Amino acid sequence: MSRIGYGRTRQELYLTVKKILEDSIKDNKTGKDWYKGFVKRHPQLAEKTPMQLGKERAVITPAKIENWFQELRSFLRDEVQDPDLITDPSRLYNADETGFPLCPKSGKVLSAKGAKHVYNYTSSNKSQMTVLVCVSAVGHYIKPLIVYPDERSRTNVLEGFEDAAFGRSSNGWMDSDVFLTWLKDVFIPGFDERNVKRPVLLFVDGHSTHLTLGASDVCRENGVHMFCLLEHASHIIQSLDLRIFGVLKEKWGQEVQNYQILNIPNTVTRKNFASIFKGAWEKSATVEKAIKAFKYIILD
């Protein structure tokens, strides 16, 4: 422009760019063409569905994670005094409980084009079942513990999945009594059956149901060292959260959908939960997933 006598100042350049941007933005936002061009110019970027983090989880820093590992190293050196423990994956376990809704959300279904209302037959029961899962770094799964609310039933609620363990609490959630019973009757016999060398290291979260005097006594008497994961950091360093729970819940949703298709008009209830859950468990509880999950917390 300056060659033909129309040189522009810096301020005029700013105003010109501003005018171009305003002309390209409709209703206070850029259009699809701009976004496509932006993605094309930056191939290293990709859209992904984010994990929802509460403010407590969001403030977890690398320094806090490193400090947790340092505390673990000190614990193994000073308290356990067994240098081979952390190098033996068969002696490293992670346990935690999670909930499975009796009426999980369904995915998309086929319907006629233009249909205003699309329905999926399911139960109106919004409750969920609590399951305690435990696995070792070599893929040894302790049988899952299914917790039922304190209501008497004449039927065998574990029918169809007799290999699972049974628990009962007042509301169907994990409590200290159920966890203590699990330690004594499920976990310890479970690793003893495989002749796992003691002591073993059990990673748990810091929930009050896990940290009781009774649980501490049972662990001490049976060569189990419980070590708490860093608070609010299970999405980073807990094996079950990282790999197994997500797959297990996905398979659970599929099993529920398959059951309801083949058993119309029956729905999922507490009485048939175990038999349906078995399919999800067998498809999810694999050695490969456990080994990959534990690589996040095993020390070098």
Protein backbone atom coordinates (compact mmCIF):
# COMPACT_ATOMS: atom_id res chain seq x y z
CA MET A 1 0.00 0.00 0.00
CA SER A 2 2.81 2.38 0.77
CA ARG A 3 4.11 2.01 -2.80
CA ILE A 4 0.98 3.67 -4.13
CA GLY A 5 0.82 6.33 -1.45
CA TYR A 6 -1.53 4.63 0.98
CA GLY A 7 0.78 3.57 3.78
CA ARG A 8 -1.00 2.52 6.98
CA THR A 9 -0.05 3.17 10.60
CA ARG A 10 0.05 0.51 13.32
CA GLN A 11 -3.24 1.80 14.73
CA GLU A 12 -4.90 1.53 11.35
CA LEU A 13 -3.67 -2.05 11.06
CA TYR A 14 -5.24 -2.85 14.44
CA LEU A 15 -8.54 -1.35 13.31
CA THR A 16 -8.46 -3.26 10.02
CA VAL A 17 -7.88 -6.60 11.77
CA LYS A 18 -10.65 -5.76 14.24
CA LYS A 19 -13.04 -5.06 11.35
CA ILE A 20 -12.14 -8.37 9.67
CA LEU A 21 -12.79 -10.27 12.89
CA GLU A 22 -16.11 -8.54 13.44
CA ASP A 23 -17.24 -9.35 9.92
CA SER A 24 -16.33 -13.03 10.37
CA ILE A 25 -18.12 -13.42 13.69
CA LYS A 26 -21.86 -13.98 13.71
CA ASP A 27 -23.96 -13.58 16.86
CA ASN A 28 -20.83 -12.98 18.95
CA LYS A 29 -19.19 -16.26 17.97
CA THR A 30 -17.06 -17.60 15.17
CA GLY A 31 -18.55 -19.91 12.58
CA LYS A 32 -17.94 -23.54 11.71
CA ASP A 33 -15.57 -22.65 8.87
CA TRP A 34 -13.32 -20.75 11.27
CA TYR A 35 -13.26 -23.71 13.67
CA LYS A 36 -12.46 -26.18 10.87
CA GLY A 37 -9.63 -23.93 9.75
CA PHE A 38 -8.33 -23.61 13.30
CA VAL A 39 -8.24 -27.39 13.78
CA LYS A 40 -6.56 -27.82 10.40
CA ARG A 41 -3.88 -25.31 11.36
CA HIS A 42 -3.28 -27.08 14.68
CA PRO A 43 -3.29 -30.86 13.98
CA GLN A 44 -1.78 -31.52 17.41
CA LEU A 45 -5.13 -30.60 19.01
CA ALA A 46 -8.15 -32.91 19.34
CA GLU A 47 -11.54 -32.77 21.06
CA LYS A 48 -11.93 -35.16 24.00
CA THR A 49 -14.54 -35.67 26.67
CA PRO A 50 -13.09 -34.37 29.96
CA MET A 51 -13.27 -36.06 33.34
CA GLN A 52 -15.31 -34.05 35.84
CA LEU A 53 -13.06 -32.96 38.70
CA GLY A 54 -14.18 -31.44 41.95
CA LYS A 55 -12.14 -28.54 43.27
CA GLU A 56 -10.36 -30.86 45.73
CA ARG A 57 -9.12 -33.11 42.92
CA ALA A 58 -8.23 -30.18 40.72
CA VAL A 59 -5.66 -28.86 43.22
CA ILE A 60 -3.61 -32.09 43.26
CA THR A 61 -0.10 -31.16 42.15
CA PRO A 62 2.96 -33.15 41.02
CA ALA A 63 4.65 -32.15 44.28
CA LYS A 64 1.86 -33.74 46.32
CA ILE A 65 2.07 -36.92 44.27
CA GLU A 66 5.84 -37.09 44.70
CA ASN A 67 5.50 -36.51 48.43
CA TRP A 68 3.07 -39.44 48.64
CA PHE A 69 5.58 -41.71 46.91
CA GLN A 70 8.28 -40.55 49.31
CA GLU A 71 6.05 -41.41 52.26
CA LEU A 72 5.40 -44.84 50.76
CA ARG A 73 9.13 -45.45 50.34
CA SER A 74 9.75 -44.41 53.94
CA PHE A 75 6.94 -46.66 55.18
CA LEU A 76 8.30 -49.69 53.35
CA ARG A 77 11.83 -49.01 54.56
CA ASP A 78 11.16 -48.09 58.20
CA GLU A 79 7.92 -49.87 59.11
CA VAL A 80 7.63 -52.93 56.89
CA GLN A 81 11.38 -53.57 56.65
CA ASP A 82 10.89 -55.88 53.69
CA PRO A 83 12.79 -54.52 50.67
CA ASP A 84 11.47 -57.26 48.40
CA LEU A 85 7.82 -56.38 48.96
CA ILE A 86 7.55 -53.54 46.45
CA THR A 87 9.40 -55.57 43.80
CA ASP A 88 6.98 -58.51 44.08
CA PRO A 89 3.75 -57.58 42.23
CA SER A 90 1.97 -60.67 43.52
CA ARG A 91 1.98 -59.07 46.99
CA LEU A 92 0.55 -55.68 45.94
CA TYR A 93 -3.23 -55.25 46.11
CA ASN A 94 -5.69 -52.41 45.60
CA ALA A 95 -9.22 -52.50 47.04
CA ASP A 96 -12.11 -50.07 46.69
CA GLU A 97 -15.87 -50.08 46.39
CA THR A 98 -18.07 -48.50 43.75
CA GLY A 99 -21.78 -48.31 42.95
CA PHE A 100 -23.75 -49.90 40.12
CA PRO A 101 -27.20 -48.40 39.38
CA LEU A 102 -30.07 -50.81 38.92
CA CYS A 103 -31.27 -48.48 36.17
CA PRO A 104 -28.16 -47.29 34.27
CA LYS A 105 -28.49 -44.74 31.51
CA SER A 106 -28.99 -46.30 28.09
CA GLY A 107 -27.23 -45.25 24.94
CA LYS A 108 -28.82 -44.01 21.74
CA VAL A 109 -31.49 -46.17 20.07
CA LEU A 110 -32.87 -46.31 16.54
CA SER A 111 -36.18 -44.53 15.96
CA ALA A 112 -38.26 -43.12 13.14
CA LYS A 113 -36.97 -39.83 11.77
CA GLY A 114 -38.89 -36.90 13.14
CA ALA A 115 -40.15 -38.79 16.19
CA LYS A 116 -40.63 -36.29 19.01
CA HIS A 117 -40.58 -38.82 21.84
CA VAL A 118 -38.35 -41.91 22.02
CA TYR A 119 -38.59 -44.27 24.99
CA ASN A 120 -36.54 -47.13 26.41
CA TYR A 121 -38.23 -49.63 28.72
CA THR A 122 -36.41 -49.88 32.04
CA SER A 123 -36.87 -49.90 35.78
CA SER A 124 -37.83 -46.77 37.71
CA ASN A 125 -35.63 -47.92 40.60
CA LYS A 126 -32.96 -45.27 41.11
CA SER A 127 -31.00 -47.17 43.79
CA GLN A 128 -27.64 -48.81 43.25
CA MET A 129 -25.65 -51.76 44.53
CA THR A 130 -22.26 -51.41 46.18
CA VAL A 131 -19.50 -53.80 45.09
CA LEU A 132 -16.06 -54.06 46.70
CA VAL A 133 -13.37 -54.95 44.17
CA CYS A 134 -9.80 -56.00 44.92
CA VAL A 135 -7.00 -57.03 42.56
CA SER A 136 -3.25 -57.55 42.69
CA ALA A 137 -0.57 -56.22 40.36
CA VAL A 138 -0.29 -59.64 38.69
CA GLY A 139 -4.02 -59.73 37.95
CA HIS A 140 -5.22 -61.85 40.86
CA TYR A 141 -8.81 -60.77 41.50
CA ILE A 142 -10.23 -61.42 44.94
CA LYS A 143 -13.86 -62.44 44.50
CA PRO A 144 -16.08 -59.33 44.46
CA LEU A 145 -18.13 -58.50 47.55
CA ILE A 146 -21.71 -57.42 46.80
CA VAL A 147 -23.30 -55.40 49.62
CA TYR A 148 -27.06 -55.74 50.19
CA PRO A 149 -29.32 -53.61 52.39
CA ASP A 150 -30.41 -55.11 55.71
CA GLU A 151 -33.60 -56.76 54.54
CA ARG A 152 -34.19 -60.47 54.85
CA SER A 153 -34.78 -62.48 51.71
CA ARG A 154 -35.82 -66.09 51.35
CA THR A 155 -34.04 -66.38 48.02
CA ASN A 156 -30.33 -66.82 47.41
CA VAL A 157 -29.38 -63.35 46.19
CA LEU A 158 -26.06 -64.68 44.87
CA GLU A 159 -27.79 -67.25 42.67
CA GLY A 160 -26.12 -67.19 39.29
CA PHE A 161 -22.86 -65.79 40.69
CA GLU A 162 -22.04 -68.07 43.60
CA ASP A 163 -18.35 -67.19 43.32
CA ALA A 164 -19.08 -63.67 44.56
CA ALA A 165 -19.04 -62.79 48.26
CA PHE A 166 -22.02 -61.53 50.25
CA GLY A 167 -22.14 -58.48 52.50
CA ARG A 168 -24.95 -56.75 54.35
CA SER A 169 -25.31 -53.29 55.89
CA SER A 170 -28.25 -51.18 57.05
CA ASN A 171 -28.42 -49.14 53.83
CA GLY A 172 -26.51 -51.31 51.35
CA TRP A 173 -23.42 -49.13 51.51
CA MET A 174 -19.96 -50.08 52.70
CA ASP A 175 -19.45 -49.72 56.45
CA SER A 176 -16.67 -50.63 58.87
CA ASP A 177 -18.27 -53.94 59.88
CA VAL A 178 -18.65 -55.10 56.28
CA PHE A 179 -15.07 -54.11 55.47
CA LEU A 180 -13.74 -55.90 58.54
CA THR A 181 -15.66 -59.05 57.60
CA TRP A 182 -14.32 -58.80 54.07
CA LEU A 183 -10.73 -58.63 55.36
CA LYS A 184 -11.16 -61.73 57.53
CA ASP A 185 -13.41 -63.90 55.38
CA VAL A 186 -12.63 -62.89 51.80
CA PHE A 187 -9.36 -61.02 51.31
CA ILE A 188 -6.98 -62.95 53.58
CA PRO A 189 -8.31 -66.42 52.57
CA GLY A 190 -8.22 -65.23 48.95
CA PHE A 191 -4.50 -64.54 48.80
CA ASP A 192 -3.73 -67.51 51.07
CA GLU A 193 -5.33 -69.82 48.50
CA ARG A 194 -2.68 -68.69 46.01
CA ASN A 195 0.14 -69.11 48.56
CA VAL A 196 1.06 -65.43 48.30
CA LYS A 197 4.05 -64.62 50.47
CA ARG A 198 3.37 -62.42 53.48
CA PRO A 199 3.36 -59.59 54.22
CA VAL A 200 1.20 -58.10 51.48
CA LEU A 201 0.59 -54.43 50.78
CA LEU A 202 -3.03 -53.30 50.42
CA PHE A 203 -3.73 -49.85 48.92
CA VAL A 204 -7.03 -48.31 50.06
CA ASP A 205 -8.48 -44.83 50.15
CA GLY A 206 -8.70 -42.93 53.41
CA HIS A 207 -12.41 -43.50 54.01
CA SER A 208 -13.32 -44.02 57.66
CA THR A 209 -14.81 -47.46 56.94
CA HIS A 210 -11.31 -48.73 56.11
CA LEU A 211 -9.43 -47.13 58.98
CA THR A 212 -10.70 -48.74 62.17
CA LEU A 213 -8.97 -50.36 65.11
CA GLY A 214 -10.55 -53.70 64.24
CA ALA A 215 -9.27 -53.58 60.67
CA SER A 216 -5.81 -52.55 61.90
CA ASP A 217 -5.69 -55.48 64.32
CA VAL A 218 -6.74 -58.02 61.69
CA CYS A 219 -4.15 -56.70 59.24
CA ARG A 220 -1.36 -56.75 61.83
CA GLU A 221 -2.20 -60.32 62.89
CA ASN A 222 -2.29 -61.58 59.31
CA GLY A 223 0.68 -59.88 57.65
CA VAL A 224 -1.28 -57.20 55.78
CA HIS A 225 0.02 -53.64 55.56
CA MET A 226 -2.66 -51.13 54.57
CA PHE A 227 -1.43 -47.91 53.01
CA CYS A 228 -3.76 -45.03 52.15
CA LEU A 229 -3.73 -43.45 48.74
CA LEU A 230 -3.32 -39.71 48.50
CA GLU A 231 -6.59 -37.96 49.35
CA HIS A 232 -8.56 -36.76 46.29
CA ALA A 233 -6.00 -38.34 43.95
CA SER A 234 -7.56 -41.71 43.19
CA HIS A 235 -8.17 -40.54 39.59
CA ILE A 236 -4.38 -40.35 39.23
CA ILE A 237 -2.83 -43.13 41.29
CA GLN A 238 -5.56 -45.67 42.10
CA SER A 239 -5.42 -48.72 39.84
CA LEU A 240 -9.12 -49.49 40.04
CA ASP A 241 -10.19 -45.95 39.15
CA LEU A 242 -7.69 -45.69 36.32
CA ARG A 243 -8.50 -48.83 34.38
CA ILE A 244 -10.98 -51.25 35.84
CA PHE A 245 -14.04 -49.41 37.19
CA GLY A 246 -14.68 -47.59 33.92
CA VAL A 247 -14.68 -50.80 31.87
CA LEU A 248 -16.69 -52.65 34.52
CA LYS A 249 -19.44 -50.03 34.53
CA GLU A 250 -19.54 -49.94 30.74
CA LYS A 251 -19.97 -53.73 30.63
CA TRP A 252 -22.57 -53.50 33.40
CA GLY A 253 -24.68 -51.16 31.27
CA GLN A 254 -24.44 -53.56 28.34
CA GLU A 255 -25.42 -56.56 30.47
CA VAL A 256 -28.46 -54.71 31.82
CA GLN A 257 -29.54 -53.78 28.32
CA ASN A 258 -29.11 -57.35 27.06
CA TYR A 259 -31.04 -58.75 30.01
CA GLN A 260 -33.98 -56.41 29.49
CA ILE A 261 -34.14 -57.15 25.76
CA LEU A 262 -34.24 -60.90 26.37
CA ASN A 263 -36.51 -60.80 29.42
CA ILE A 264 -39.25 -58.28 28.64
CA PRO A 265 -40.96 -57.02 30.81
CA ASN A 266 -38.54 -57.97 33.64
CA THR A 267 -36.10 -55.42 35.00
CA VAL A 268 -32.98 -55.50 37.15
CA THR A 269 -33.60 -55.85 40.89
CA ARG A 270 -31.49 -56.58 43.95
CA LYS A 271 -32.53 -60.23 43.71
CA ASN A 272 -31.17 -60.78 40.20
CA PHE A 273 -28.33 -58.24 40.38
CA ALA A 274 -25.61 -60.84 41.04
CA SER A 275 -26.49 -63.07 38.10
CA ILE A 276 -26.48 -60.11 35.70
CA PHE A 277 -23.37 -58.58 37.23
CA LYS A 278 -21.47 -61.84 36.66
CA GLY A 279 -21.38 -61.22 32.90
CA ALA A 280 -19.92 -57.74 33.36
CA TRP A 281 -17.36 -59.05 35.85
CA GLU A 282 -16.12 -61.86 33.64
CA LYS A 283 -15.68 -59.50 30.68
CA SER A 284 -13.88 -56.83 32.71
CA ALA A 285 -11.76 -58.56 35.35
CA THR A 286 -8.84 -59.48 33.11
CA VAL A 287 -5.19 -59.94 33.97
CA GLU A 288 -4.13 -57.52 31.23
CA LYS A 289 -6.23 -54.64 32.61
CA ALA A 290 -4.92 -55.17 36.14
CA ILE A 291 -1.28 -55.18 35.10
CA LYS A 292 -1.72 -52.01 33.04
CA ALA A 293 -3.57 -50.33 35.92
CA PHE A 294 -0.89 -51.04 38.49
CA LYS A 295 1.93 -49.61 36.41
CA TYR A 296 0.81 -46.18 37.66
CA ILE A 297 1.61 -46.83 41.32
CA ILE A 298 4.38 -49.44 41.38
CA LEU A 299 7.70 -47.85 42.27
CA ASP A 300 10.76 -48.26 40.08
